[in-house]
N, C-alpha and C. Protein backbone atom coordinates (compact mmCIF):
# COMPACT_ATOMS: atom_id res chain seq x y z
N MET A 1 13.57 -12.51 -0.66
CA MET A 1 12.29 -12.28 -0.04
C MET A 1 12.30 -12.93 1.34
N VAL A 2 11.84 -12.22 2.32
CA VAL A 2 11.75 -12.73 3.68
C VAL A 2 10.46 -13.54 3.79
N THR A 3 10.59 -14.81 4.18
CA THR A 3 9.42 -15.66 4.32
C THR A 3 9.52 -16.46 5.61
N LYS A 4 8.41 -17.05 6.01
CA LYS A 4 8.37 -17.89 7.19
C LYS A 4 7.38 -19.02 6.92
N GLU A 5 7.75 -20.23 7.32
CA GLU A 5 6.85 -21.36 7.13
C GLU A 5 5.96 -21.50 8.37
N VAL A 6 4.65 -21.50 8.15
CA VAL A 6 3.67 -21.65 9.22
C VAL A 6 2.72 -22.77 8.82
N ASP A 7 2.66 -23.82 9.62
CA ASP A 7 1.80 -24.98 9.35
C ASP A 7 2.01 -25.53 7.94
N GLY A 8 3.26 -25.58 7.50
CA GLY A 8 3.58 -26.15 6.20
C GLY A 8 3.34 -25.22 5.02
N LYS A 9 2.86 -24.00 5.25
CA LYS A 9 2.62 -23.04 4.17
C LYS A 9 3.61 -21.89 4.28
N LEU A 10 4.06 -21.40 3.14
CA LEU A 10 4.99 -20.29 3.09
C LEU A 10 4.24 -18.97 3.26
N HIS A 11 4.71 -18.12 4.19
CA HIS A 11 4.10 -16.82 4.45
C HIS A 11 5.15 -15.72 4.25
N GLU A 12 4.68 -14.52 3.89
CA GLU A 12 5.57 -13.36 3.79
C GLU A 12 4.92 -12.18 4.50
N PRO A 13 5.72 -11.23 4.95
CA PRO A 13 5.16 -10.06 5.64
C PRO A 13 4.34 -9.20 4.67
N MET A 14 3.14 -8.84 5.11
CA MET A 14 2.26 -7.97 4.33
C MET A 14 1.92 -6.76 5.18
N GLU A 15 1.66 -5.66 4.53
CA GLU A 15 1.31 -4.42 5.21
C GLU A 15 -0.08 -3.96 4.78
N ASN A 16 -0.90 -3.58 5.74
CA ASN A 16 -2.14 -2.87 5.45
C ASN A 16 -1.76 -1.39 5.42
N MET A 17 -1.93 -0.76 4.29
CA MET A 17 -1.51 0.63 4.13
C MET A 17 -2.72 1.50 3.86
N THR A 18 -2.94 2.50 4.70
CA THR A 18 -4.02 3.46 4.52
C THR A 18 -3.41 4.79 4.11
N ILE A 19 -3.87 5.32 3.00
CA ILE A 19 -3.34 6.58 2.46
C ILE A 19 -4.47 7.58 2.34
N ASP A 20 -4.31 8.76 2.94
CA ASP A 20 -5.21 9.89 2.75
C ASP A 20 -4.48 10.90 1.88
N ALA A 21 -5.10 11.29 0.77
CA ALA A 21 -4.45 12.23 -0.15
C ALA A 21 -5.51 13.00 -0.93
N PRO A 22 -5.13 14.15 -1.50
CA PRO A 22 -6.07 14.88 -2.36
C PRO A 22 -6.48 14.01 -3.56
N GLU A 23 -7.71 14.20 -4.02
CA GLU A 23 -8.26 13.42 -5.14
C GLU A 23 -7.37 13.45 -6.37
N GLU A 24 -6.71 14.55 -6.62
CA GLU A 24 -5.91 14.69 -7.84
C GLU A 24 -4.76 13.69 -7.93
N PHE A 25 -4.36 13.09 -6.81
CA PHE A 25 -3.24 12.14 -6.81
C PHE A 25 -3.69 10.69 -6.84
N MET A 26 -5.00 10.44 -6.93
CA MET A 26 -5.52 9.07 -6.88
C MET A 26 -4.90 8.17 -7.95
N GLY A 27 -4.85 8.61 -9.18
CA GLY A 27 -4.29 7.80 -10.27
C GLY A 27 -2.82 7.49 -10.07
N ALA A 28 -2.05 8.49 -9.69
CA ALA A 28 -0.61 8.29 -9.49
C ALA A 28 -0.35 7.31 -8.34
N ILE A 29 -1.11 7.44 -7.25
CA ILE A 29 -0.93 6.54 -6.10
C ILE A 29 -1.33 5.12 -6.47
N THR A 30 -2.44 4.96 -7.17
CA THR A 30 -2.91 3.64 -7.57
C THR A 30 -1.89 2.95 -8.46
N GLN A 31 -1.32 3.67 -9.43
CA GLN A 31 -0.30 3.10 -10.32
C GLN A 31 0.96 2.74 -9.54
N LEU A 32 1.37 3.59 -8.62
CA LEU A 32 2.56 3.33 -7.82
C LEU A 32 2.39 2.06 -6.99
N MET A 33 1.23 1.91 -6.36
CA MET A 33 0.97 0.72 -5.54
C MET A 33 0.84 -0.54 -6.39
N ALA A 34 0.20 -0.44 -7.54
CA ALA A 34 0.05 -1.61 -8.42
C ALA A 34 1.41 -2.11 -8.88
N GLY A 35 2.32 -1.21 -9.14
CA GLY A 35 3.67 -1.59 -9.55
C GLY A 35 4.46 -2.29 -8.45
N ARG A 36 3.97 -2.20 -7.24
CA ARG A 36 4.62 -2.83 -6.09
C ARG A 36 3.80 -3.99 -5.54
N LYS A 37 2.93 -4.55 -6.40
CA LYS A 37 2.07 -5.70 -6.06
C LYS A 37 1.04 -5.38 -4.99
N GLY A 38 0.68 -4.11 -4.84
CA GLY A 38 -0.34 -3.71 -3.88
C GLY A 38 -1.73 -3.88 -4.47
N THR A 39 -2.67 -4.30 -3.65
CA THR A 39 -4.06 -4.42 -4.10
C THR A 39 -4.93 -3.49 -3.26
N MET A 40 -5.80 -2.75 -3.93
CA MET A 40 -6.67 -1.82 -3.22
C MET A 40 -7.83 -2.59 -2.61
N ASN A 41 -8.03 -2.41 -1.31
CA ASN A 41 -9.15 -3.05 -0.62
C ASN A 41 -10.37 -2.14 -0.61
N THR A 42 -10.18 -0.88 -0.27
CA THR A 42 -11.30 0.07 -0.25
C THR A 42 -10.82 1.46 -0.66
N MET A 43 -11.77 2.25 -1.14
CA MET A 43 -11.50 3.65 -1.43
C MET A 43 -12.73 4.44 -1.00
N THR A 44 -12.52 5.51 -0.25
CA THR A 44 -13.61 6.33 0.25
C THR A 44 -13.38 7.78 -0.15
N ASN A 45 -14.40 8.39 -0.72
CA ASN A 45 -14.36 9.80 -1.06
C ASN A 45 -15.46 10.48 -0.24
N ASN A 46 -15.05 11.31 0.71
CA ASN A 46 -16.06 11.93 1.58
C ASN A 46 -16.50 13.31 1.10
N GLY A 47 -16.11 13.69 -0.11
CA GLY A 47 -16.60 14.93 -0.69
C GLY A 47 -15.87 16.19 -0.26
N THR A 48 -14.75 16.06 0.44
CA THR A 48 -13.99 17.24 0.88
C THR A 48 -12.77 17.52 0.00
N GLY A 49 -12.61 16.70 -1.06
CA GLY A 49 -11.43 16.85 -1.91
C GLY A 49 -10.32 15.88 -1.56
N TRP A 50 -10.49 15.15 -0.47
CA TRP A 50 -9.51 14.14 -0.05
C TRP A 50 -10.13 12.76 -0.18
N ILE A 51 -9.31 11.76 -0.50
CA ILE A 51 -9.77 10.38 -0.57
C ILE A 51 -8.95 9.53 0.38
N ARG A 52 -9.54 8.44 0.83
CA ARG A 52 -8.83 7.45 1.66
C ARG A 52 -8.80 6.15 0.88
N MET A 53 -7.58 5.65 0.66
CA MET A 53 -7.39 4.39 -0.04
C MET A 53 -6.70 3.41 0.91
N GLU A 54 -7.20 2.18 0.93
CA GLU A 54 -6.59 1.14 1.76
C GLU A 54 -6.07 0.04 0.85
N PHE A 55 -4.79 -0.28 1.02
CA PHE A 55 -4.11 -1.28 0.19
C PHE A 55 -3.55 -2.39 1.06
N MET A 56 -3.37 -3.57 0.46
CA MET A 56 -2.60 -4.66 1.03
C MET A 56 -1.38 -4.80 0.12
N VAL A 57 -0.19 -4.68 0.69
CA VAL A 57 1.03 -4.71 -0.11
C VAL A 57 2.10 -5.51 0.61
N PRO A 58 2.89 -6.31 -0.14
CA PRO A 58 3.99 -7.03 0.50
C PRO A 58 5.00 -6.03 1.08
N ALA A 59 5.57 -6.35 2.24
CA ALA A 59 6.54 -5.45 2.86
C ALA A 59 7.71 -5.18 1.91
N ARG A 60 8.10 -6.17 1.12
CA ARG A 60 9.21 -5.99 0.18
C ARG A 60 8.88 -4.94 -0.89
N GLY A 61 7.59 -4.73 -1.16
CA GLY A 61 7.16 -3.75 -2.14
C GLY A 61 7.32 -2.31 -1.65
N LEU A 62 7.56 -2.15 -0.37
CA LEU A 62 7.70 -0.80 0.19
C LEU A 62 9.13 -0.29 0.21
N ILE A 63 10.08 -1.15 -0.18
CA ILE A 63 11.48 -0.73 -0.24
C ILE A 63 11.61 0.33 -1.34
N GLY A 64 12.08 1.50 -0.98
CA GLY A 64 12.23 2.59 -1.93
C GLY A 64 10.94 3.33 -2.26
N PHE A 65 9.87 2.98 -1.59
CA PHE A 65 8.55 3.56 -1.87
C PHE A 65 8.46 5.03 -1.49
N ARG A 66 9.01 5.37 -0.34
CA ARG A 66 8.82 6.71 0.23
C ARG A 66 9.23 7.83 -0.73
N THR A 67 10.38 7.72 -1.35
CA THR A 67 10.87 8.78 -2.24
C THR A 67 9.92 8.99 -3.42
N LYS A 68 9.54 7.90 -4.09
CA LYS A 68 8.63 8.03 -5.24
C LYS A 68 7.26 8.55 -4.80
N PHE A 69 6.80 8.09 -3.64
CA PHE A 69 5.51 8.51 -3.13
C PHE A 69 5.50 10.01 -2.83
N LEU A 70 6.55 10.50 -2.17
CA LEU A 70 6.65 11.93 -1.87
C LEU A 70 6.69 12.76 -3.14
N THR A 71 7.38 12.26 -4.15
CA THR A 71 7.46 12.98 -5.43
C THR A 71 6.09 13.03 -6.09
N GLU A 72 5.39 11.91 -6.13
CA GLU A 72 4.08 11.85 -6.78
C GLU A 72 3.02 12.69 -6.08
N THR A 73 3.07 12.76 -4.76
CA THR A 73 2.04 13.49 -4.01
C THR A 73 2.50 14.90 -3.61
N ARG A 74 3.69 15.26 -4.02
CA ARG A 74 4.27 16.57 -3.67
C ARG A 74 4.27 16.79 -2.16
N GLY A 75 4.35 15.69 -1.41
CA GLY A 75 4.43 15.76 0.05
C GLY A 75 3.11 15.99 0.76
N VAL A 76 1.99 16.00 0.01
CA VAL A 76 0.68 16.26 0.61
C VAL A 76 -0.05 14.93 0.78
N HIS A 77 0.01 14.34 1.99
CA HIS A 77 -0.61 13.04 2.22
C HIS A 77 -0.53 12.67 3.70
N ARG A 78 -1.22 11.59 4.06
CA ARG A 78 -1.09 10.94 5.37
C ARG A 78 -1.07 9.44 5.12
N VAL A 79 -0.19 8.72 5.84
CA VAL A 79 -0.05 7.28 5.64
C VAL A 79 -0.06 6.56 6.98
N LEU A 80 -0.74 5.41 7.03
CA LEU A 80 -0.75 4.55 8.20
C LEU A 80 -0.43 3.14 7.74
N LEU A 81 0.55 2.47 8.41
CA LEU A 81 0.93 1.10 8.07
C LEU A 81 0.67 0.17 9.24
N ARG A 82 0.16 -1.03 8.93
CA ARG A 82 0.01 -2.10 9.92
C ARG A 82 0.46 -3.39 9.24
N GLY A 83 1.35 -4.15 9.89
CA GLY A 83 1.89 -5.36 9.27
C GLY A 83 1.35 -6.64 9.84
N ARG A 84 1.45 -7.73 9.03
CA ARG A 84 1.11 -9.07 9.46
C ARG A 84 1.66 -10.07 8.45
N LEU A 85 1.66 -11.36 8.82
CA LEU A 85 2.10 -12.40 7.91
C LEU A 85 0.91 -12.92 7.13
N ARG A 86 1.13 -13.22 5.86
CA ARG A 86 0.06 -13.76 5.02
C ARG A 86 0.66 -14.81 4.09
N ALA A 87 -0.08 -15.83 3.77
CA ALA A 87 0.40 -16.91 2.91
C ALA A 87 0.79 -16.36 1.53
N VAL A 88 1.89 -16.89 1.00
CA VAL A 88 2.34 -16.53 -0.34
C VAL A 88 1.45 -17.24 -1.34
N GLU A 89 0.93 -16.50 -2.29
CA GLU A 89 0.06 -17.08 -3.30
C GLU A 89 0.87 -17.40 -4.55
N GLY A 90 0.48 -18.44 -5.24
CA GLY A 90 1.12 -18.79 -6.49
C GLY A 90 2.04 -19.87 -6.32
């Protein structure tokens, strides 16, 4: 695991991940992210059949993610990633 010590506390890279996908894939995406230590921050359903989910996930959890994600969503999605360091919990 890649970590960095900041002010005596251990930090690891975290990603803010925003996923837009059809409603039918919500369960599969949520399970996939949970298995990678991702936590859902918000979910928005605007009534058009698409949902927006925002997750916080460790960067290490995204290794190998793309292939499984494409399979689960059949390639129908939009993803935005933003990274930052966050203290390791536990």
